[in-house]
Amino acid sequence: MSGRDPFCQPRRIRRGAALTLVFAGVLVAGAATGNLPGTDREPTADGARPAEPVGHHADVARAAEEAAAEGASPLEAARRAVSRSGDRWAAVYSPAEYEEFEDALDGRYTGVGLWARERDGRIEVTKVGGGTPAAGAGIRAGDRLRSVDGKPVDGRPVTEVVSLLRGDTTGEPAGTTVRLGLERGTRAWHETLRRARLSRDTVTVRELASRATVIKVGAFTKGSGEQVRTAVRRAPAGSGIVLDLRGNPGGLVAEAVTAASAFLDGGLVATYDVEGEQRALHAEPGGDTARPLVALVDGGTMSAAELLTGALKDRGRAVVVGSRTFGKGSVQMPTPLPDGSVAELTVGHYRTPSGREVDGRGLTPDLEAGEQALQRAETVLGGLGR
């Protein structure tokens, strides 16, 4: 996680990278198309979280330093050390990859402006961002993506297709071109697009016919917490709020705490440990504690989004509707390496205000709901309002 962080003041890396609660690989890959996937997993049989290695920061740093002294690649040595550590959430980034990671958390990315998903082994465009290269080429939702630079994409994971669109494997920057093979009904054609530096709005607001306000948070990027607070202040007087966190893979913890402050009048948001030292996060006072509030979650609700959900649930501030969340409750901290690359390594785990552990377990909603979750949320809001 990058940017200012409420946990502590670790050593500085570029723009002040700090502790992270985000599944970084998912966030960085998804940001390229605006598609941020989250795949739920089963908890361990006894519900206990697996133990994380202790002291592996030193092991990874030592491996990188020894490689540098021998003229080998510190990046590759660190990746080997991480793969042996057992740290499931650890990652090692080259300088360029880490810069992209930080940009993703700032809401910026290099790409063509496509939202996509895998459907029956095929890659389908689900949305096209306004003013993007894809929009200028006339690509639209429902089109099928057949190839990227001549490489067929059928059967490939969305994350691999994203890497091709971005040019990650060859280090293609903004301004370079990418050739897409597309299909719409019986029509098949090719488009050559120029990659661009784009930004994505992770917070969207709409009003339902019932006058309830839906605040959808796609990820906790820079500024998203304040956008949530602004949306709450601007919601019609007396109306309920649906906070939609479905598919939210996490992001900046400071932004999740700011979002919690929109609904709480101060108090505990979460506790966490950093290598055994216990710490806490608190909301700012003055939030709206009166409006009826429902939080929508699913198996793609992860990390910082789970931290926010747990706070609202345990503090009795929201009714949680949907399905069990992902279960990513570990804390990562960056370690700089001799060649400028960065290792993000697990240092601890967080808990909800009631002491509930999230990692490997997830959060169970108050009311189970599937495809009709939003309709169920409206019904719940109606009851809370009365």
Protein backbone atom coordinates (compact mmCIF):
# COMPACT_ATOMS: atom_id res chain seq x y z
CA MET A 1 0.00 0.00 0.00
CA SER A 2 1.34 3.40 -0.82
CA GLY A 3 0.62 6.91 0.37
CA ARG A 4 0.12 8.27 3.89
CA ASP A 5 -0.91 5.60 6.32
CA PRO A 6 -2.32 5.72 9.86
CA PHE A 7 -0.45 2.68 11.11
CA CYS A 8 3.11 3.89 11.61
CA GLN A 9 5.99 5.67 9.94
CA PRO A 10 8.09 3.02 8.16
CA ARG A 11 11.12 3.89 6.06
CA ARG A 12 10.29 6.01 3.04
CA ILE A 13 9.98 4.49 -0.42
CA ARG A 14 9.20 6.88 -3.26
CA ARG A 15 6.00 8.73 -2.29
CA GLY A 16 5.98 7.33 1.26
CA ALA A 17 4.89 3.73 0.70
CA ALA A 18 3.57 2.21 3.91
CA LEU A 19 1.65 -0.76 5.31
CA THR A 20 -0.76 -2.50 3.00
CA LEU A 21 -3.89 -4.61 3.41
CA VAL A 22 -4.45 -5.08 -0.31
CA PHE A 23 -4.05 -8.11 -2.53
CA ALA A 24 -1.60 -6.16 -4.64
CA GLY A 25 -1.47 -8.51 -7.63
CA VAL A 26 -5.23 -8.36 -8.04
CA LEU A 27 -5.40 -4.60 -7.69
CA VAL A 28 -2.54 -3.82 -10.08
CA ALA A 29 -3.70 -6.26 -12.72
CA GLY A 30 -7.33 -5.21 -12.46
CA ALA A 31 -6.62 -1.51 -12.64
CA ALA A 32 -5.46 -1.84 -16.23
CA THR A 33 -8.97 -2.56 -17.43
CA GLY A 34 -10.98 -1.29 -14.51
CA ASN A 35 -11.89 -4.90 -13.74
CA LEU A 36 -10.83 -5.71 -10.16
CA PRO A 37 -11.55 -9.42 -9.64
CA GLY A 38 -11.66 -11.11 -6.25
CA THR A 39 -11.98 -14.87 -5.87
CA ASP A 40 -13.22 -16.22 -2.57
CA ARG A 41 -11.40 -19.10 -0.90
CA GLU A 42 -12.32 -21.56 1.81
CA PRO A 43 -10.98 -21.05 5.34
CA THR A 44 -8.82 -23.70 6.97
CA ALA A 45 -10.66 -26.67 8.41
CA ASP A 46 -10.49 -25.48 12.01
CA GLY A 47 -10.99 -21.83 11.09
CA ALA A 48 -7.53 -20.83 12.31
CA ARG A 49 -5.37 -18.62 10.18
CA PRO A 50 -2.08 -20.17 8.98
CA ALA A 51 1.00 -18.93 10.77
CA GLU A 52 3.12 -16.44 8.85
CA PRO A 53 6.93 -16.66 8.84
CA VAL A 54 8.83 -14.54 11.33
CA GLY A 55 11.89 -12.54 10.34
CA HIS A 56 11.58 -13.13 6.63
CA HIS A 57 12.17 -9.43 5.94
CA ALA A 58 15.78 -9.96 6.98
CA ASP A 59 16.04 -13.18 4.94
CA VAL A 60 14.75 -11.51 1.78
CA ALA A 61 16.94 -8.43 2.23
CA ARG A 62 19.99 -10.61 2.90
CA ALA A 63 19.37 -12.70 -0.22
CA ALA A 64 19.08 -9.54 -2.34
CA GLU A 65 22.25 -8.01 -0.85
CA GLU A 66 24.26 -11.20 -1.41
CA ALA A 67 23.07 -11.38 -5.00
CA ALA A 68 24.08 -7.75 -5.59
CA ALA A 69 27.54 -8.40 -4.13
CA GLU A 70 27.97 -11.36 -6.49
CA GLY A 71 26.79 -9.40 -9.52
CA ALA A 72 23.53 -11.34 -9.75
CA SER A 73 19.98 -9.94 -9.81
CA PRO A 74 18.74 -8.81 -6.37
CA LEU A 75 15.18 -8.85 -7.76
CA GLU A 76 15.32 -12.52 -8.76
CA ALA A 77 17.08 -13.50 -5.53
CA ALA A 78 14.39 -11.74 -3.49
CA ARG A 79 11.63 -13.49 -5.46
CA ARG A 80 13.23 -16.86 -4.75
CA ALA A 81 13.48 -16.02 -1.05
CA VAL A 82 9.83 -14.94 -0.95
CA SER A 83 8.72 -18.14 -2.70
CA ARG A 84 10.46 -20.15 0.04
CA SER A 85 9.07 -18.03 2.89
CA GLY A 86 5.50 -19.34 2.82
CA ASP A 87 4.17 -15.77 2.84
CA ARG A 88 1.12 -16.12 0.63
CA TRP A 89 0.58 -12.37 0.23
CA ALA A 90 4.19 -11.34 -0.35
CA ALA A 91 5.29 -9.87 -3.67
CA VAL A 92 8.50 -8.44 -5.11
CA TYR A 93 8.26 -5.60 -7.62
CA SER A 94 10.80 -4.16 -10.01
CA PRO A 95 11.10 -0.34 -9.75
CA ALA A 96 8.80 0.08 -12.75
CA GLU A 97 6.25 -2.41 -11.40
CA TYR A 98 6.21 -0.72 -8.01
CA GLU A 99 5.65 2.65 -9.63
CA GLU A 100 2.67 1.15 -11.49
CA PHE A 101 1.43 -0.29 -8.18
CA GLU A 102 1.54 3.13 -6.54
CA ASP A 103 -0.12 4.72 -9.54
CA ALA A 104 -2.93 2.14 -9.35
CA LEU A 105 -3.51 3.08 -5.72
CA ASP A 106 -3.56 6.72 -6.76
CA GLY A 107 -6.32 5.82 -9.26
CA ARG A 108 -4.08 6.04 -12.33
CA TYR A 109 -3.14 3.35 -14.83
CA THR A 110 -1.77 2.75 -18.31
CA GLY A 111 -4.22 1.08 -20.65
CA VAL A 112 -6.90 1.50 -23.28
CA GLY A 113 -9.98 1.92 -21.07
CA LEU A 114 -11.62 -1.51 -21.21
CA TRP A 115 -13.46 -3.30 -18.41
CA ALA A 116 -13.43 -7.03 -19.12
CA ARG A 117 -14.31 -10.42 -17.67
CA GLU A 118 -13.88 -14.08 -18.51
CA ARG A 119 -17.09 -15.79 -19.55
CA ASP A 120 -17.19 -19.43 -20.65
CA GLY A 121 -13.51 -19.31 -21.53
CA ARG A 122 -13.86 -16.12 -23.55
CA ILE A 123 -12.93 -12.54 -22.75
CA GLU A 124 -15.91 -10.19 -22.91
CA VAL A 125 -15.85 -6.40 -22.73
CA THR A 126 -18.20 -5.33 -19.93
CA LYS A 127 -17.64 -1.57 -20.00
CA VAL A 128 -15.73 1.08 -21.94
CA GLY A 129 -14.55 4.23 -20.17
CA GLY A 130 -15.69 7.53 -21.63
CA GLY A 131 -12.97 9.50 -23.41
CA THR A 132 -10.61 6.53 -23.55
CA PRO A 133 -8.83 5.05 -26.60
CA ALA A 134 -11.29 2.13 -26.58
CA ALA A 135 -14.26 4.50 -26.65
CA GLY A 136 -12.71 6.47 -29.52
CA ALA A 137 -12.39 3.26 -31.52
CA GLY A 138 -16.09 2.47 -31.09
CA ILE A 139 -15.57 -0.60 -28.90
CA ARG A 140 -18.57 -1.23 -26.64
CA ALA A 141 -19.83 -3.50 -23.88
CA GLY A 142 -20.66 -6.99 -25.11
CA ASP A 143 -17.88 -7.09 -27.70
CA ARG A 144 -15.67 -10.15 -27.51
CA LEU A 145 -11.89 -9.73 -27.32
CA ARG A 146 -10.28 -12.41 -29.50
CA SER A 147 -6.61 -11.43 -29.57
CA VAL A 148 -4.04 -8.90 -28.34
CA ASP A 149 -1.12 -8.17 -30.67
CA GLY A 150 -1.88 -11.36 -32.56
CA LYS A 151 -1.99 -13.57 -29.46
CA PRO A 152 -5.32 -15.41 -28.96
CA VAL A 153 -6.84 -14.74 -25.53
CA ASP A 154 -9.55 -17.42 -25.36
CA GLY A 155 -8.95 -19.59 -22.30
CA ARG A 156 -6.48 -17.17 -20.73
CA PRO A 157 -7.08 -15.69 -17.25
CA VAL A 158 -8.23 -12.08 -17.26
CA THR A 159 -5.03 -11.07 -15.45
CA GLU A 160 -2.91 -12.40 -18.33
CA VAL A 161 -5.04 -10.55 -20.87
CA VAL A 162 -4.64 -7.39 -18.79
CA SER A 163 -0.85 -7.79 -18.91
CA LEU A 164 -0.99 -8.07 -22.70
CA LEU A 165 -3.16 -4.96 -22.97
CA ARG A 166 -0.79 -3.02 -20.76
CA GLY A 167 2.35 -4.36 -22.42
CA ASP A 168 3.72 -5.42 -19.04
CA THR A 169 5.85 -8.26 -20.38
CA THR A 170 7.72 -5.96 -22.77
CA GLY A 171 7.57 -2.77 -20.71
CA GLU A 172 5.40 -0.83 -23.14
CA PRO A 173 4.66 2.70 -21.85
CA ALA A 174 1.80 5.08 -22.60
CA GLY A 175 1.89 6.16 -26.23
CA THR A 176 2.72 2.72 -27.61
CA THR A 177 0.19 0.84 -29.73
CA VAL A 178 -1.66 -2.40 -29.20
CA ARG A 179 -3.63 -4.29 -31.86
CA LEU A 180 -6.89 -5.91 -30.71
CA GLY A 181 -8.87 -8.62 -32.47
CA LEU A 182 -12.58 -8.10 -31.76
CA GLU A 183 -15.90 -9.74 -32.50
CA ARG A 184 -19.46 -8.45 -32.33
CA GLY A 185 -22.14 -10.89 -33.44
CA THR A 186 -21.05 -12.09 -36.89
CA ARG A 187 -18.62 -9.21 -37.41
CA ALA A 188 -14.90 -9.70 -36.74
CA TRP A 189 -12.37 -6.89 -37.05
CA HIS A 190 -9.11 -5.44 -35.72
CA GLU A 191 -8.42 -2.13 -34.02
CA THR A 192 -5.04 -0.57 -33.29
CA LEU A 193 -5.20 1.56 -30.14
CA ARG A 194 -2.63 3.78 -28.48
CA ARG A 195 -2.12 3.17 -24.78
CA ALA A 196 -2.74 6.19 -22.56
CA ARG A 197 -2.37 7.29 -18.94
CA LEU A 198 -5.88 7.09 -17.57
CA SER A 199 -7.63 7.58 -14.25
CA ARG A 200 -10.56 5.68 -12.84
CA ASP A 201 -13.26 6.97 -10.54
CA THR A 202 -13.52 4.34 -7.82
CA VAL A 203 -16.55 5.94 -6.09
CA THR A 204 -19.86 6.31 -7.90
CA VAL A 205 -23.18 7.55 -6.50
CA ARG A 206 -26.75 7.01 -7.71
CA GLU A 207 -30.23 7.37 -6.29
CA LEU A 208 -32.77 4.55 -6.41
CA ALA A 209 -36.49 4.97 -7.05
CA SER A 210 -37.00 4.50 -3.31
CA ARG A 211 -34.79 7.61 -2.80
CA ALA A 212 -32.11 5.48 -1.17
CA THR A 213 -28.58 6.53 -2.14
CA VAL A 214 -26.19 3.85 -3.41
CA ILE A 215 -22.50 4.62 -2.86
CA LYS A 216 -20.40 2.12 -4.80
CA VAL A 217 -16.72 1.92 -3.84
CA GLY A 218 -14.74 -0.10 -6.38
CA ALA A 219 -11.41 0.17 -4.53
CA PHE A 220 -9.84 2.34 -1.85
CA THR A 221 -7.58 4.53 -3.95
CA LYS A 222 -6.31 7.97 -3.03
CA GLY A 223 -9.19 10.31 -2.20
CA SER A 224 -11.92 7.68 -2.20
CA GLY A 225 -12.59 7.98 1.55
CA GLU A 226 -13.30 11.70 1.27
CA GLN A 227 -15.51 11.02 -1.75
CA VAL A 228 -17.60 8.69 0.43
CA ARG A 229 -17.92 11.38 3.11
CA THR A 230 -18.97 13.94 0.51
CA ALA A 231 -21.57 11.55 -0.92
CA VAL A 232 -23.04 10.99 2.55
CA ARG A 233 -23.29 14.74 3.21
CA ARG A 234 -25.01 15.31 -0.15
CA ALA A 235 -27.51 12.45 0.14
CA PRO A 236 -31.15 13.61 0.42
CA ALA A 237 -32.23 14.29 3.98
CA GLY A 238 -33.88 11.32 5.62
CA SER A 239 -32.84 8.83 2.93
CA GLY A 240 -31.06 5.59 3.66
CA ILE A 241 -27.67 4.62 2.21
CA VAL A 242 -26.47 1.42 0.56
CA LEU A 243 -22.68 1.20 0.78
CA ASP A 244 -21.82 -1.22 -2.03
CA LEU A 245 -18.45 -2.91 -1.38
CA ARG A 246 -19.02 -5.91 -3.63
CA GLY A 247 -15.93 -6.75 -5.68
CA ASN A 248 -13.82 -4.21 -3.77
CA PRO A 249 -10.29 -5.71 -3.46
CA GLY A 250 -9.11 -3.23 -0.82
CA GLY A 251 -6.43 -0.59 -1.25
CA LEU A 252 -5.30 2.21 1.03
CA VAL A 253 -6.24 1.55 4.64
CA ALA A 254 -6.21 5.27 5.44
CA GLU A 255 -8.98 5.75 2.87
CA ALA A 256 -11.07 2.94 4.39
CA VAL A 257 -10.73 4.58 7.82
CA THR A 258 -11.80 7.92 6.32
CA ALA A 259 -14.84 6.19 4.80
CA ALA A 260 -15.66 4.68 8.22
CA SER A 261 -15.52 8.21 9.65
CA ALA A 262 -18.44 9.14 7.38
CA PHE A 263 -20.71 6.84 9.41
CA LEU A 264 -19.17 6.77 12.90
CA ASP A 265 -18.73 9.41 15.58
CA GLY A 266 -15.13 8.47 16.35
CA GLY A 267 -14.20 5.24 18.09
CA LEU A 268 -12.44 2.03 17.14
CA VAL A 269 -12.29 0.87 13.52
CA ALA A 270 -9.82 -2.02 13.85
CA THR A 271 -6.89 -3.34 15.85
CA TYR A 272 -3.82 -4.92 14.29
CA ASP A 273 -0.37 -6.18 15.12
CA VAL A 274 2.95 -5.39 13.48
CA GLU A 275 5.44 -8.13 14.35
CA GLY A 276 3.71 -8.63 17.70
CA GLU A 277 3.15 -4.97 18.63
CA GLN A 278 -0.55 -4.19 19.09
CA ARG A 279 -1.97 -0.99 17.56
CA ALA A 280 -5.36 0.48 16.71
CA LEU A 281 -7.17 2.56 14.11
CA HIS A 282 -9.84 5.10 15.07
CA ALA A 283 -12.48 6.97 13.11
CA GLU A 284 -12.68 10.74 13.22
CA PRO A 285 -15.63 12.16 15.18
CA GLY A 286 -18.63 13.79 13.56
CA GLY A 287 -19.87 11.10 11.16
CA ASP A 288 -23.54 10.59 10.28
CA THR A 289 -24.79 8.05 12.80
CA ALA A 290 -28.50 8.51 12.15
CA ARG A 291 -29.12 7.45 8.56
CA PRO A 292 -30.21 3.85 7.94
CA LEU A 293 -27.20 2.05 6.45
CA VAL A 294 -26.76 -1.27 4.65
CA ALA A 295 -23.36 -2.57 3.52
CA LEU A 296 -23.36 -4.89 0.49
CA VAL A 297 -20.54 -7.48 0.34
CA ASP A 298 -19.59 -10.64 -1.54
CA GLY A 299 -16.66 -13.00 -2.09
CA GLY A 300 -14.78 -10.22 -3.89
CA THR A 301 -14.90 -7.91 -0.84
CA MET A 302 -11.33 -7.99 0.43
CA SER A 303 -8.78 -6.51 2.76
CA ALA A 304 -9.41 -2.81 3.54
CA ALA A 305 -13.03 -3.26 2.38
CA GLU A 306 -13.39 -6.06 4.95
CA LEU A 307 -11.83 -3.80 7.60
CA LEU A 308 -14.53 -1.19 6.91
CA THR A 309 -17.30 -3.80 6.84
CA GLY A 310 -16.14 -5.29 10.14
CA ALA A 311 -16.13 -1.88 11.81
CA LEU A 312 -19.65 -1.01 10.66
CA LYS A 313 -20.96 -4.46 11.59
CA ASP A 314 -19.35 -4.73 15.03
CA ARG A 315 -20.21 -1.15 15.97
CA GLY A 316 -23.87 -1.83 15.16
CA ARG A 317 -23.85 0.89 12.53
CA ALA A 318 -24.85 -1.14 9.46
CA VAL A 319 -26.75 -4.25 8.48
CA VAL A 320 -24.48 -6.32 6.23
CA VAL A 321 -26.18 -8.01 3.26
CA GLY A 322 -24.72 -10.37 0.66
CA SER A 323 -22.34 -13.31 0.92
CA ARG A 324 -19.23 -14.15 2.94
CA THR A 325 -16.27 -11.91 2.19
CA PHE A 326 -12.88 -13.04 0.89
CA GLY A 327 -10.88 -13.26 4.12
CA LYS A 328 -7.75 -11.15 3.51
CA GLY A 329 -6.76 -9.67 6.85
CA SER A 330 -2.97 -9.59 6.72
CA VAL A 331 -0.78 -6.50 6.85
CA GLN A 332 2.13 -5.97 4.46
CA MET A 333 5.07 -3.57 4.70
CA PRO A 334 7.53 -2.64 1.92
CA THR A 335 11.25 -3.42 2.14
CA PRO A 336 13.57 -1.63 -0.32
CA LEU A 337 16.17 -3.76 -2.12
CA PRO A 338 19.65 -2.76 -3.39
CA ASP A 339 18.60 -2.41 -7.04
CA GLY A 340 15.59 -0.17 -6.29
CA SER A 341 13.05 -2.99 -6.38
CA VAL A 342 10.65 -3.45 -3.45
CA ALA A 343 9.49 -6.48 -1.48
CA GLU A 344 6.02 -6.28 0.11
CA LEU A 345 6.06 -8.72 3.04
CA THR A 346 3.52 -9.73 5.68
CA VAL A 347 4.13 -8.28 9.16
CA GLY A 348 0.85 -8.93 10.99
CA HIS A 349 -2.94 -9.26 10.93
CA TYR A 350 -5.87 -7.05 11.80
CA ARG A 351 -9.05 -7.68 13.80
CA THR A 352 -12.47 -6.07 13.87
CA PRO A 353 -13.56 -3.98 16.91
CA SER A 354 -14.99 -7.08 18.61
CA GLY A 355 -11.68 -8.94 18.20
CA ARG A 356 -12.79 -11.02 15.23
CA GLU A 357 -9.99 -12.23 12.93
CA VAL A 358 -10.65 -11.88 9.21
CA ASP A 359 -7.69 -13.59 7.55
CA GLY A 360 -8.66 -16.99 6.16
CA ARG A 361 -12.21 -16.61 7.49
CA GLY A 362 -13.90 -13.60 5.97
CA LEU A 363 -16.98 -11.92 7.39
CA THR A 364 -20.42 -13.48 7.36
CA PRO A 365 -23.25 -11.07 6.43
CA ASP A 366 -26.23 -10.49 8.70
CA LEU A 367 -28.50 -11.41 5.80
CA GLU A 368 -27.47 -13.81 3.03
CA ALA A 369 -28.36 -12.65 -0.47
CA GLY A 370 -27.19 -13.45 -4.00
CA GLU A 371 -28.17 -11.77 -7.25
CA GLN A 372 -31.03 -9.93 -5.55
CA ALA A 373 -28.76 -8.40 -2.92
CA LEU A 374 -29.52 -4.80 -3.84
CA GLN A 375 -33.27 -5.43 -3.71
CA ARG A 376 -32.83 -7.10 -0.31
CA ALA A 377 -30.82 -4.08 0.84
CA GLU A 378 -33.66 -1.75 -0.17
CA THR A 379 -36.12 -3.84 1.83
CA VAL A 380 -33.84 -3.76 4.87
CA LEU A 381 -33.43 0.02 4.54
CA GLY A 382 -37.20 0.40 4.49
CA GLY A 383 -37.47 -1.50 7.74
CA LEU A 384 -34.65 0.48 9.36
CA GLY A 385 -36.27 3.73 8.33
CA ARG A 386 -39.51 2.77 10.05
